[in-house]
Amino acid sequence: MLPEPYRLHHRADFSRTVRRGRRIGRRDLVVHALLLEPEVRIGGPRFGLIVSKAVGNAVVRHRVARRLRHICAGLADEIPAEADIVIRALPGAAELSSAELDRQLRAALRKFLPDGSP
C-alpha cells in the first residue's frame, strides 16, 4: 500500500502534472513527471495513477493499480521529495508481470531524473 503522504488526490494536482510535467512514454505506460519548487511538504514524492477502462474490466484495472502502487512505494526513497508523478497505464499493462511493469516504470523515471537514479 502506498502511504497517504505519497499520493496525489486532487484533480488540480493531476492536471498540473500532466500539462506542465515532462512526458515519458513506454510501450505499456506513460509517465508524466513534474519537479515542483522546493516547498514545505510532508512526506516524499507524490504518485497518481490513471488506469482507464481501456485496460480491462474492474478486476484487471484494480490488479494493475495494486501492482503500480506497490512499485511506487518501493521507489519513494529514490525520487526527489518535490516530484509529482502521474502514471497512465495503457491497455498492454494488463498482460504484464509486476517485474515488467517495474522495469518500464524505472526506465521512464531514469530519463526524467537528472542523475538517472531509479
N, C-alpha and C. Protein backbone atom coordinates (compact mmCIF):
# COMPACT_ATOMS: atom_id res chain seq x y z
N MET A 1 0.83 -1.19 0.00
CA MET A 1 0.00 0.00 0.00
C MET A 1 0.87 1.24 0.00
N LEU A 2 0.48 2.22 -0.76
CA LEU A 2 1.20 3.48 -0.85
C LEU A 2 0.72 4.40 0.27
N PRO A 3 1.64 4.82 1.17
CA PRO A 3 1.22 5.68 2.29
C PRO A 3 0.59 6.99 1.82
N GLU A 4 -0.26 7.53 2.63
CA GLU A 4 -1.03 8.73 2.31
C GLU A 4 -0.19 9.93 1.83
N PRO A 5 0.93 10.25 2.47
CA PRO A 5 1.68 11.43 2.00
C PRO A 5 2.27 11.27 0.60
N TYR A 6 2.27 10.06 0.07
CA TYR A 6 2.86 9.80 -1.25
C TYR A 6 1.82 9.74 -2.36
N ARG A 7 0.58 10.18 -2.09
CA ARG A 7 -0.48 10.04 -3.09
C ARG A 7 -0.97 11.40 -3.57
N LEU A 8 -1.24 11.48 -4.87
CA LEU A 8 -1.90 12.65 -5.44
C LEU A 8 -3.40 12.42 -5.30
N HIS A 9 -4.13 13.42 -4.83
CA HIS A 9 -5.57 13.26 -4.63
C HIS A 9 -6.40 14.21 -5.48
N HIS A 10 -5.94 15.42 -5.63
CA HIS A 10 -6.77 16.45 -6.23
C HIS A 10 -6.61 16.52 -7.75
N ARG A 11 -7.71 16.78 -8.39
CA ARG A 11 -7.71 16.88 -9.85
C ARG A 11 -6.72 17.94 -10.33
N ALA A 12 -6.63 19.04 -9.60
CA ALA A 12 -5.71 20.11 -9.98
C ALA A 12 -4.26 19.62 -9.98
N ASP A 13 -3.91 18.77 -9.03
CA ASP A 13 -2.54 18.23 -8.99
C ASP A 13 -2.28 17.32 -10.19
N PHE A 14 -3.25 16.47 -10.52
CA PHE A 14 -3.12 15.61 -11.69
C PHE A 14 -2.98 16.47 -12.95
N SER A 15 -3.86 17.45 -13.11
CA SER A 15 -3.84 18.30 -14.31
C SER A 15 -2.54 19.05 -14.45
N ARG A 16 -2.06 19.63 -13.35
CA ARG A 16 -0.80 20.38 -13.38
C ARG A 16 0.35 19.47 -13.79
N THR A 17 0.40 18.27 -13.25
CA THR A 17 1.49 17.35 -13.57
C THR A 17 1.43 16.91 -15.02
N VAL A 18 0.23 16.61 -15.52
CA VAL A 18 0.10 16.15 -16.90
C VAL A 18 0.38 17.29 -17.88
N ARG A 19 -0.07 18.49 -17.58
CA ARG A 19 0.09 19.60 -18.52
C ARG A 19 1.48 20.22 -18.50
N ARG A 20 2.04 20.40 -17.30
CA ARG A 20 3.32 21.10 -17.19
C ARG A 20 4.51 20.16 -17.05
N GLY A 21 4.25 18.90 -16.73
CA GLY A 21 5.34 17.96 -16.49
C GLY A 21 5.92 17.40 -17.77
N ARG A 22 7.00 16.69 -17.60
CA ARG A 22 7.66 16.03 -18.72
C ARG A 22 6.99 14.68 -18.96
N ARG A 23 6.77 14.36 -20.21
CA ARG A 23 6.08 13.12 -20.58
C ARG A 23 7.10 12.12 -21.11
N ILE A 24 7.09 10.94 -20.51
CA ILE A 24 7.98 9.88 -20.94
C ILE A 24 7.12 8.68 -21.28
N GLY A 25 7.14 8.25 -22.53
CA GLY A 25 6.31 7.14 -22.97
C GLY A 25 7.09 5.84 -23.02
N ARG A 26 6.45 4.80 -22.63
CA ARG A 26 6.95 3.44 -22.73
C ARG A 26 5.90 2.64 -23.47
N ARG A 27 6.18 1.39 -23.75
CA ARG A 27 5.26 0.58 -24.53
C ARG A 27 3.89 0.45 -23.85
N ASP A 28 3.87 0.24 -22.54
CA ASP A 28 2.62 0.00 -21.83
C ASP A 28 2.31 1.01 -20.74
N LEU A 29 3.14 2.04 -20.60
CA LEU A 29 2.94 3.09 -19.59
C LEU A 29 3.30 4.44 -20.19
N VAL A 30 2.63 5.47 -19.71
CA VAL A 30 3.04 6.85 -19.99
C VAL A 30 3.22 7.50 -18.63
N VAL A 31 4.40 8.08 -18.42
CA VAL A 31 4.72 8.69 -17.13
C VAL A 31 4.85 10.20 -17.33
N HIS A 32 4.11 10.95 -16.53
CA HIS A 32 4.20 12.41 -16.51
C HIS A 32 4.87 12.77 -15.19
N ALA A 33 5.96 13.51 -15.25
CA ALA A 33 6.71 13.85 -14.04
C ALA A 33 6.99 15.34 -14.00
N LEU A 34 6.81 15.91 -12.84
CA LEU A 34 6.99 17.35 -12.65
C LEU A 34 7.75 17.58 -11.36
N LEU A 35 8.85 18.31 -11.44
CA LEU A 35 9.58 18.72 -10.24
C LEU A 35 9.06 20.09 -9.84
N LEU A 36 8.52 20.18 -8.64
CA LEU A 36 7.98 21.44 -8.14
C LEU A 36 9.06 22.23 -7.44
N GLU A 37 8.79 23.49 -7.20
CA GLU A 37 9.72 24.31 -6.42
C GLU A 37 9.80 23.72 -5.02
N PRO A 38 10.99 23.74 -4.43
CA PRO A 38 11.09 23.22 -3.06
C PRO A 38 10.13 23.97 -2.15
N GLU A 39 9.33 23.23 -1.45
CA GLU A 39 8.34 23.81 -0.56
C GLU A 39 8.23 22.93 0.67
N VAL A 40 7.51 23.39 1.63
CA VAL A 40 7.32 22.59 2.83
C VAL A 40 6.30 21.51 2.49
N ARG A 41 6.75 20.27 2.54
CA ARG A 41 5.87 19.16 2.19
C ARG A 41 6.14 18.02 3.15
N ILE A 42 5.07 17.42 3.62
CA ILE A 42 5.21 16.25 4.48
C ILE A 42 5.31 15.05 3.57
N GLY A 43 6.27 14.20 3.83
CA GLY A 43 6.44 13.00 3.02
C GLY A 43 7.41 13.23 1.89
N GLY A 44 7.30 12.42 0.88
CA GLY A 44 8.23 12.48 -0.23
C GLY A 44 7.51 12.77 -1.52
N PRO A 45 7.94 12.14 -2.59
CA PRO A 45 7.29 12.37 -3.89
C PRO A 45 5.84 11.88 -3.85
N ARG A 46 5.01 12.47 -4.69
CA ARG A 46 3.61 12.06 -4.75
C ARG A 46 3.34 11.38 -6.07
N PHE A 47 2.58 10.29 -6.02
CA PHE A 47 2.26 9.50 -7.20
C PHE A 47 0.75 9.50 -7.43
N GLY A 48 0.36 9.54 -8.69
CA GLY A 48 -1.03 9.41 -9.08
C GLY A 48 -1.12 8.38 -10.19
N LEU A 49 -2.20 7.61 -10.18
CA LEU A 49 -2.39 6.56 -11.17
C LEU A 49 -3.63 6.84 -12.01
N ILE A 50 -3.53 6.55 -13.30
CA ILE A 50 -4.68 6.60 -14.20
C ILE A 50 -4.75 5.25 -14.89
N VAL A 51 -5.77 4.49 -14.54
CA VAL A 51 -5.98 3.17 -15.14
C VAL A 51 -7.40 3.17 -15.68
N SER A 52 -7.55 3.39 -16.98
CA SER A 52 -8.87 3.56 -17.58
C SER A 52 -9.51 2.22 -17.93
N LYS A 53 -10.75 2.29 -18.36
CA LYS A 53 -11.48 1.09 -18.77
C LYS A 53 -10.86 0.41 -19.98
N ALA A 54 -10.04 1.12 -20.72
CA ALA A 54 -9.37 0.52 -21.88
C ALA A 54 -8.40 -0.58 -21.45
N VAL A 55 -7.95 -0.54 -20.19
CA VAL A 55 -7.02 -1.55 -19.68
C VAL A 55 -7.73 -2.88 -19.48
N GLY A 56 -8.99 -2.84 -19.08
CA GLY A 56 -9.73 -4.07 -18.86
C GLY A 56 -10.90 -3.83 -17.92
N ASN A 57 -11.49 -4.94 -17.48
CA ASN A 57 -12.62 -4.80 -16.55
C ASN A 57 -12.11 -4.39 -15.17
N ALA A 58 -13.00 -4.25 -14.22
CA ALA A 58 -12.64 -3.73 -12.90
C ALA A 58 -11.59 -4.59 -12.20
N VAL A 59 -11.69 -5.89 -12.33
CA VAL A 59 -10.74 -6.78 -11.67
C VAL A 59 -9.34 -6.55 -12.24
N VAL A 60 -9.23 -6.45 -13.54
CA VAL A 60 -7.94 -6.24 -14.20
C VAL A 60 -7.38 -4.87 -13.85
N ARG A 61 -8.23 -3.84 -13.90
CA ARG A 61 -7.78 -2.48 -13.57
C ARG A 61 -7.25 -2.40 -12.15
N HIS A 62 -7.96 -3.00 -11.22
CA HIS A 62 -7.52 -2.97 -9.82
C HIS A 62 -6.22 -3.73 -9.63
N ARG A 63 -6.04 -4.82 -10.35
CA ARG A 63 -4.79 -5.59 -10.25
C ARG A 63 -3.62 -4.74 -10.75
N VAL A 64 -3.80 -4.08 -11.89
CA VAL A 64 -2.75 -3.22 -12.43
C VAL A 64 -2.45 -2.08 -11.46
N ALA A 65 -3.48 -1.46 -10.91
CA ALA A 65 -3.29 -0.35 -9.97
C ALA A 65 -2.57 -0.81 -8.71
N ARG A 66 -2.93 -1.98 -8.18
CA ARG A 66 -2.24 -2.52 -6.99
C ARG A 66 -0.76 -2.74 -7.26
N ARG A 67 -0.47 -3.31 -8.42
CA ARG A 67 0.93 -3.55 -8.78
C ARG A 67 1.70 -2.24 -8.89
N LEU A 68 1.10 -1.26 -9.54
CA LEU A 68 1.76 0.04 -9.69
C LEU A 68 1.96 0.73 -8.34
N ARG A 69 0.96 0.67 -7.46
CA ARG A 69 1.11 1.27 -6.13
C ARG A 69 2.26 0.61 -5.37
N HIS A 70 2.37 -0.70 -5.45
CA HIS A 70 3.43 -1.41 -4.77
C HIS A 70 4.81 -0.99 -5.32
N ILE A 71 4.91 -0.85 -6.62
CA ILE A 71 6.17 -0.42 -7.24
C ILE A 71 6.50 1.01 -6.81
N CYS A 72 5.50 1.89 -6.78
CA CYS A 72 5.72 3.28 -6.38
C CYS A 72 6.18 3.37 -4.93
N ALA A 73 5.64 2.53 -4.07
CA ALA A 73 6.05 2.53 -2.66
C ALA A 73 7.54 2.19 -2.55
N GLY A 74 8.01 1.29 -3.39
CA GLY A 74 9.42 0.94 -3.38
C GLY A 74 10.31 2.01 -3.97
N LEU A 75 9.77 2.85 -4.84
CA LEU A 75 10.55 3.91 -5.48
C LEU A 75 10.58 5.21 -4.68
N ALA A 76 9.76 5.33 -3.67
CA ALA A 76 9.59 6.60 -2.96
C ALA A 76 10.90 7.14 -2.41
N ASP A 77 11.80 6.28 -1.98
CA ASP A 77 13.07 6.75 -1.41
C ASP A 77 14.08 7.14 -2.47
N GLU A 78 13.84 6.77 -3.72
CA GLU A 78 14.81 7.00 -4.78
C GLU A 78 14.50 8.24 -5.63
N ILE A 79 13.37 8.87 -5.37
CA ILE A 79 12.91 10.01 -6.18
C ILE A 79 12.90 11.26 -5.32
N PRO A 80 13.27 12.42 -5.87
CA PRO A 80 13.26 13.65 -5.08
C PRO A 80 11.89 13.92 -4.45
N ALA A 81 11.91 14.47 -3.25
CA ALA A 81 10.68 14.70 -2.50
C ALA A 81 9.76 15.71 -3.18
N GLU A 82 10.30 16.59 -3.99
CA GLU A 82 9.46 17.62 -4.63
C GLU A 82 8.85 17.18 -5.96
N ALA A 83 8.92 15.90 -6.27
CA ALA A 83 8.40 15.40 -7.54
C ALA A 83 6.94 14.97 -7.42
N ASP A 84 6.16 15.29 -8.44
CA ASP A 84 4.81 14.75 -8.63
C ASP A 84 4.86 13.88 -9.88
N ILE A 85 4.35 12.67 -9.79
CA ILE A 85 4.43 11.72 -10.89
C ILE A 85 3.05 11.12 -11.13
N VAL A 86 2.59 11.18 -12.38
CA VAL A 86 1.33 10.56 -12.77
C VAL A 86 1.66 9.45 -13.76
N ILE A 87 1.15 8.25 -13.46
CA ILE A 87 1.40 7.09 -14.30
C ILE A 87 0.09 6.69 -14.96
N ARG A 88 0.10 6.68 -16.30
CA ARG A 88 -1.08 6.26 -17.06
C ARG A 88 -0.79 4.88 -17.63
N ALA A 89 -1.63 3.91 -17.23
CA ALA A 89 -1.48 2.55 -17.74
C ALA A 89 -2.18 2.44 -19.09
N LEU A 90 -1.49 1.89 -20.06
CA LEU A 90 -2.06 1.64 -21.38
C LEU A 90 -2.61 0.21 -21.42
N PRO A 91 -3.45 -0.13 -22.40
CA PRO A 91 -4.10 -1.45 -22.40
C PRO A 91 -3.14 -2.64 -22.27
N GLY A 92 -1.94 -2.54 -22.79
CA GLY A 92 -0.99 -3.64 -22.69
C GLY A 92 -0.52 -3.93 -21.28
N ALA A 93 -0.71 -2.99 -20.35
CA ALA A 93 -0.27 -3.17 -18.97
C ALA A 93 -1.00 -4.32 -18.28
N ALA A 94 -2.18 -4.66 -18.77
CA ALA A 94 -2.96 -5.74 -18.15
C ALA A 94 -2.28 -7.08 -18.31
N GLU A 95 -1.49 -7.25 -19.34
CA GLU A 95 -0.83 -8.52 -19.63
C GLU A 95 0.54 -8.65 -18.99
N LEU A 96 1.06 -7.59 -18.40
CA LEU A 96 2.43 -7.58 -17.91
C LEU A 96 2.54 -8.14 -16.51
N SER A 97 3.71 -8.69 -16.21
CA SER A 97 4.02 -9.12 -14.85
C SER A 97 4.43 -7.89 -14.04
N SER A 98 4.49 -8.04 -12.74
CA SER A 98 4.93 -6.94 -11.89
C SER A 98 6.36 -6.55 -12.22
N ALA A 99 7.21 -7.53 -12.51
CA ALA A 99 8.60 -7.24 -12.82
C ALA A 99 8.72 -6.40 -14.09
N GLU A 100 7.91 -6.70 -15.09
CA GLU A 100 7.95 -5.93 -16.33
C GLU A 100 7.40 -4.52 -16.14
N LEU A 101 6.33 -4.38 -15.35
CA LEU A 101 5.83 -3.03 -15.03
C LEU A 101 6.91 -2.23 -14.31
N ASP A 102 7.57 -2.86 -13.36
CA ASP A 102 8.65 -2.21 -12.61
C ASP A 102 9.76 -1.77 -13.55
N ARG A 103 10.15 -2.63 -14.47
CA ARG A 103 11.23 -2.31 -15.41
C ARG A 103 10.85 -1.11 -16.28
N GLN A 104 9.62 -1.10 -16.81
CA GLN A 104 9.20 0.01 -17.67
C GLN A 104 9.11 1.32 -16.90
N LEU A 105 8.59 1.27 -15.67
CA LEU A 105 8.47 2.49 -14.86
C LEU A 105 9.85 3.03 -14.51
N ARG A 106 10.75 2.17 -14.09
CA ARG A 106 12.11 2.62 -13.76
C ARG A 106 12.82 3.20 -14.98
N ALA A 107 12.63 2.58 -16.14
CA ALA A 107 13.26 3.10 -17.35
C ALA A 107 12.74 4.50 -17.68
N ALA A 108 11.46 4.72 -17.50
CA ALA A 108 10.88 6.05 -17.75
C ALA A 108 11.42 7.06 -16.75
N LEU A 109 11.50 6.69 -15.49
CA LEU A 109 11.96 7.63 -14.47
C LEU A 109 13.45 7.93 -14.61
N ARG A 110 14.24 6.99 -15.12
CA ARG A 110 15.66 7.26 -15.37
C ARG A 110 15.84 8.39 -16.36
N LYS A 111 14.95 8.48 -17.34
CA LYS A 111 15.03 9.57 -18.32
C LYS A 111 14.63 10.91 -17.71
N PHE A 112 13.77 10.85 -16.70
CA PHE A 112 13.28 12.09 -16.07
C PHE A 112 14.28 12.65 -15.06
N LEU A 113 14.85 11.81 -14.23
CA LEU A 113 15.71 12.29 -13.16
C LEU A 113 17.10 12.66 -13.70
N PRO A 114 17.64 13.77 -13.24
CA PRO A 114 18.92 14.22 -13.76
C PRO A 114 20.08 13.25 -13.50
N ASP A 115 20.06 12.57 -12.36
CA ASP A 115 21.15 11.64 -12.05
C ASP A 115 20.85 10.22 -12.50
N GLY A 116 19.64 9.98 -13.05
CA GLY A 116 19.27 8.65 -13.55
C GLY A 116 19.24 7.59 -12.50
N SER A 117 18.75 7.92 -11.29
CA SER A 117 18.88 7.01 -10.16
C SER A 117 18.00 5.76 -10.15
N PRO A 118 16.67 5.78 -10.41
CA PRO A 118 15.92 4.53 -10.18
C PRO A 118 16.30 3.39 -11.05
